[in-house]
Amino acid sequence: MTPRPARLAGWIVPTLCPGAAFAHAPVPGIKGFYIGLLHPFSTPAQALLMLGVGLLAGSFALERAKAPIAAFVGLSLVGLFAGSAEWVLDPAMYGIAVIACTHAALAPGRGVPLAALVLGVGGLVIGAASIPDAGPARDRAFTMTGSLFGAGMGLLYIAGLSAIVKERFAAPVVQIGFRVLAAWTGAIALVMLALLYAQPPAP
């Protein structure tokens, strides 16, 4: 393993450990944190968006991925507090997933400003889609915190593992494999988007 992937692995892997420590913590409302933690991957639209932006961020070297990742994290916080639980966001999430995957497949590692824009909008939508239902303020705060943590860590895991694999195995076939994965993910998101509009209107 080269030094750079080793540092990245050392940054990511320890974040897996707190779960065991918190699993038995007698903190009222902590269940909401775990619910929020998985929320960014709880629907097909959210999962495809997270995978798409993760693959796009992972197509850049770690130093160049910092701005897109920061845009995602910052705007996910904005979306969480500025959005509404009544918004229908699946079409937007599928559309952003298509754009992110297209970028990752056709121009991996190029166009940092465009990638930052795509990840920023993706974070905004993920944040808005993670607004919890009405309930006690403390429970909502735990759930929102879990959602932010889950979205940020999910992005780092996908992008970080992509970067580690591509730097550890530098063969062209590996690079091509990630581009194919991005293309297929984008195609699935596009099909899901088309199916949304192909459904007959509700009576």
Protein backbone atom coordinates (compact mmCIF):
# COMPACT_ATOMS: atom_id res chain seq x y z
CA MET A 1 0.00 0.00 0.00
CA THR A 2 1.43 3.38 -0.94
CA PRO A 3 1.74 6.07 1.77
CA ARG A 4 -1.19 8.11 0.49
CA PRO A 5 -3.76 5.27 0.58
CA ALA A 6 -2.37 4.27 3.98
CA ARG A 7 -3.05 7.73 5.35
CA LEU A 8 -6.51 7.72 3.83
CA ALA A 9 -7.29 4.31 5.29
CA GLY A 10 -6.06 5.49 8.68
CA TRP A 11 -8.44 8.42 8.44
CA ILE A 12 -11.50 6.44 7.39
CA VAL A 13 -11.27 3.13 9.22
CA PRO A 14 -11.33 4.50 12.80
CA THR A 15 -14.72 6.06 12.13
CA LEU A 16 -16.12 2.53 12.08
CA CYS A 17 -15.25 2.00 15.72
CA PRO A 18 -17.53 4.42 17.63
CA GLY A 19 -20.60 2.37 16.73
CA ALA A 20 -19.65 -0.35 19.20
CA ALA A 21 -19.07 2.20 21.92
CA PHE A 22 -22.43 3.89 21.37
CA ALA A 23 -24.41 0.68 20.84
CA HIS A 24 -25.07 0.28 24.57
CA ALA A 25 -24.94 3.92 25.60
CA PRO A 26 -27.93 4.83 27.83
CA VAL A 27 -28.60 8.11 26.02
CA PRO A 28 -32.28 8.96 25.55
CA GLY A 29 -33.09 9.46 21.89
CA ILE A 30 -29.90 7.81 20.62
CA LYS A 31 -32.03 5.44 18.53
CA GLY A 32 -32.89 8.40 16.33
CA PHE A 33 -29.20 8.89 15.62
CA TYR A 34 -28.91 5.38 14.20
CA ILE A 35 -32.09 5.85 12.18
CA GLY A 36 -30.63 9.04 10.73
CA LEU A 37 -27.29 7.36 10.14
CA LEU A 38 -28.83 5.03 7.55
CA HIS A 39 -31.30 7.53 6.14
CA PRO A 40 -29.08 8.77 3.25
CA PHE A 41 -29.21 5.21 1.86
CA SER A 42 -32.81 4.37 2.78
CA THR A 43 -34.42 4.78 -0.65
CA PRO A 44 -33.25 3.85 -4.17
CA ALA A 45 -33.02 7.53 -5.13
CA GLN A 46 -30.84 8.40 -2.16
CA ALA A 47 -28.65 5.32 -2.53
CA LEU A 48 -28.03 5.97 -6.23
CA LEU A 49 -27.27 9.63 -5.56
CA MET A 50 -24.81 8.75 -2.80
CA LEU A 51 -23.11 6.16 -4.99
CA GLY A 52 -22.93 8.58 -7.91
CA VAL A 53 -21.40 11.47 -6.00
CA GLY A 54 -19.09 9.04 -4.18
CA LEU A 55 -17.77 7.66 -7.44
CA LEU A 56 -17.32 11.18 -8.79
CA ALA A 57 -15.39 12.32 -5.70
CA GLY A 58 -13.36 9.11 -5.78
CA SER A 59 -12.29 9.76 -9.36
CA PHE A 60 -10.05 12.59 -8.08
CA ALA A 61 -6.81 12.36 -6.14
CA LEU A 62 -7.37 13.02 -2.44
CA GLU A 63 -5.95 16.54 -2.53
CA ARG A 64 -8.20 17.56 -5.43
CA ALA A 65 -11.29 15.91 -3.94
CA LYS A 66 -11.29 18.13 -0.86
CA ALA A 67 -13.28 20.97 -2.44
CA PRO A 68 -16.07 18.75 -3.87
CA ILE A 69 -16.35 16.84 -0.58
CA ALA A 70 -16.46 20.07 1.42
CA ALA A 71 -19.19 21.39 -0.89
CA PHE A 72 -21.24 18.24 -0.32
CA VAL A 73 -20.90 18.33 3.46
CA GLY A 74 -21.53 22.06 3.78
CA LEU A 75 -24.59 22.14 1.56
CA SER A 76 -26.06 18.99 3.09
CA LEU A 77 -26.22 20.98 6.33
CA VAL A 78 -27.93 23.84 4.50
CA GLY A 79 -30.44 21.46 2.90
CA LEU A 80 -31.25 19.83 6.22
CA PHE A 81 -32.24 23.14 7.81
CA ALA A 82 -33.65 24.95 4.76
CA GLY A 83 -35.61 22.12 3.15
CA SER A 84 -39.10 20.83 3.77
CA ALA A 85 -40.34 17.32 4.51
CA GLU A 86 -43.11 17.93 1.96
CA TRP A 87 -40.77 18.32 -1.01
CA VAL A 88 -40.74 15.55 -3.61
CA LEU A 89 -37.03 15.09 -4.29
CA ASP A 90 -36.72 11.71 -6.03
CA PRO A 91 -36.59 13.22 -9.56
CA ALA A 92 -33.86 15.64 -8.49
CA MET A 93 -31.85 12.88 -6.81
CA TYR A 94 -32.02 10.61 -9.84
CA GLY A 95 -31.11 13.52 -12.12
CA ILE A 96 -28.09 14.53 -10.05
CA ALA A 97 -26.99 10.90 -9.88
CA VAL A 98 -27.07 10.74 -13.68
CA ILE A 99 -24.98 13.91 -13.98
CA ALA A 100 -22.46 12.77 -11.35
CA CYS A 101 -22.06 9.34 -12.93
CA THR A 102 -21.72 10.82 -16.42
CA HIS A 103 -18.91 13.05 -15.18
CA ALA A 104 -17.21 10.14 -13.38
CA ALA A 105 -17.47 7.92 -16.46
CA LEU A 106 -16.44 10.41 -19.15
CA ALA A 107 -14.03 12.75 -17.37
CA PRO A 108 -12.75 11.07 -14.19
CA GLY A 109 -10.39 13.22 -12.18
CA ARG A 110 -11.01 16.32 -14.31
CA GLY A 111 -13.08 19.44 -13.73
CA VAL A 112 -12.86 20.13 -10.00
CA PRO A 113 -15.19 23.19 -10.13
CA LEU A 114 -17.89 21.22 -11.95
CA ALA A 115 -17.49 18.31 -9.55
CA ALA A 116 -17.79 20.68 -6.59
CA LEU A 117 -20.99 22.09 -8.09
CA VAL A 118 -22.48 18.64 -8.67
CA LEU A 119 -21.55 17.38 -5.20
CA GLY A 120 -22.76 20.60 -3.62
CA VAL A 121 -26.19 20.30 -5.23
CA GLY A 122 -26.22 16.61 -4.35
CA GLY A 123 -25.48 17.41 -0.72
CA LEU A 124 -28.19 20.06 -0.68
CA VAL A 125 -30.77 17.57 -1.93
CA ILE A 126 -29.60 14.77 0.38
CA GLY A 127 -29.88 17.14 3.32
CA ALA A 128 -33.37 18.24 2.32
CA ALA A 129 -34.41 14.60 1.90
CA SER A 130 -33.19 13.74 5.40
CA ILE A 131 -35.54 16.02 7.34
CA PRO A 132 -37.21 13.89 10.05
CA ASP A 133 -40.93 13.78 10.71
CA ALA A 134 -42.46 15.98 13.37
CA GLY A 135 -41.70 14.93 16.93
CA PRO A 136 -39.83 15.90 20.08
CA ALA A 137 -37.06 18.39 19.41
CA ARG A 138 -34.41 16.20 21.04
CA ASP A 139 -35.32 13.17 18.92
CA ARG A 140 -35.30 15.28 15.77
CA ALA A 141 -31.89 16.70 16.69
CA PHE A 142 -30.46 13.20 17.14
CA THR A 143 -31.93 12.05 13.84
CA MET A 144 -30.67 15.10 11.94
CA THR A 145 -27.20 14.67 13.43
CA GLY A 146 -27.21 11.02 12.39
CA SER A 147 -28.30 11.94 8.88
CA LEU A 148 -25.48 14.45 8.48
CA PHE A 149 -22.94 11.99 9.85
CA GLY A 150 -24.28 9.18 7.66
CA ALA A 151 -24.19 11.28 4.50
CA GLY A 152 -20.69 12.58 5.16
CA MET A 153 -19.24 9.24 6.16
CA GLY A 154 -21.03 7.47 3.33
CA LEU A 155 -19.46 9.84 0.83
CA LEU A 156 -16.02 9.42 2.41
CA TYR A 157 -16.27 5.63 2.42
CA ILE A 158 -17.28 5.39 -1.23
CA ALA A 159 -14.81 8.03 -2.43
CA GLY A 160 -12.02 6.85 -0.13
CA LEU A 161 -12.32 3.18 -1.02
CA SER A 162 -12.43 4.09 -4.71
CA ALA A 163 -9.25 6.13 -4.35
CA ILE A 164 -7.50 3.41 -2.34
CA VAL A 165 -8.34 0.67 -4.84
CA LYS A 166 -7.30 2.77 -7.83
CA GLU A 167 -3.99 3.79 -6.27
CA ARG A 168 -3.26 0.32 -4.94
CA PHE A 169 -4.10 -1.37 -8.24
CA ALA A 170 -2.99 1.05 -10.93
CA ALA A 171 -3.68 -1.29 -13.86
CA PRO A 172 -5.74 0.32 -16.65
CA VAL A 173 -8.42 -2.35 -16.28
CA VAL A 174 -9.16 -1.11 -12.74
CA GLN A 175 -9.60 2.46 -13.95
CA ILE A 176 -11.85 1.23 -16.74
CA GLY A 177 -13.83 -0.84 -14.24
CA PHE A 178 -14.67 2.23 -12.17
CA ARG A 179 -15.76 4.12 -15.27
CA VAL A 180 -17.99 1.21 -16.26
CA LEU A 181 -19.44 1.11 -12.73
CA ALA A 182 -20.19 4.83 -12.92
CA ALA A 183 -21.79 4.40 -16.35
CA TRP A 184 -24.01 1.55 -15.16
CA THR A 185 -25.01 3.43 -12.02
CA GLY A 186 -25.94 6.44 -14.12
CA ALA A 187 -27.92 4.25 -16.50
CA ILE A 188 -29.88 2.75 -13.61
CA ALA A 189 -30.61 6.22 -12.24
CA LEU A 190 -31.78 7.34 -15.68
CA VAL A 191 -34.11 4.35 -15.98
CA MET A 192 -35.53 5.05 -12.51
CA LEU A 193 -36.07 8.68 -13.46
CA ALA A 194 -37.88 7.65 -16.64
CA LEU A 195 -40.08 5.24 -14.68
CA LEU A 196 -41.16 8.07 -12.39
CA TYR A 197 -42.63 9.94 -15.33
CA ALA A 198 -43.91 6.82 -17.07
CA GLN A 199 -46.26 5.99 -14.22
CA PRO A 200 -49.93 6.78 -14.89
CA PRO A 201 -51.30 9.69 -12.88
CA ALA A 202 -53.07 8.81 -9.66
CA PRO A 203 -56.89 8.86 -9.95
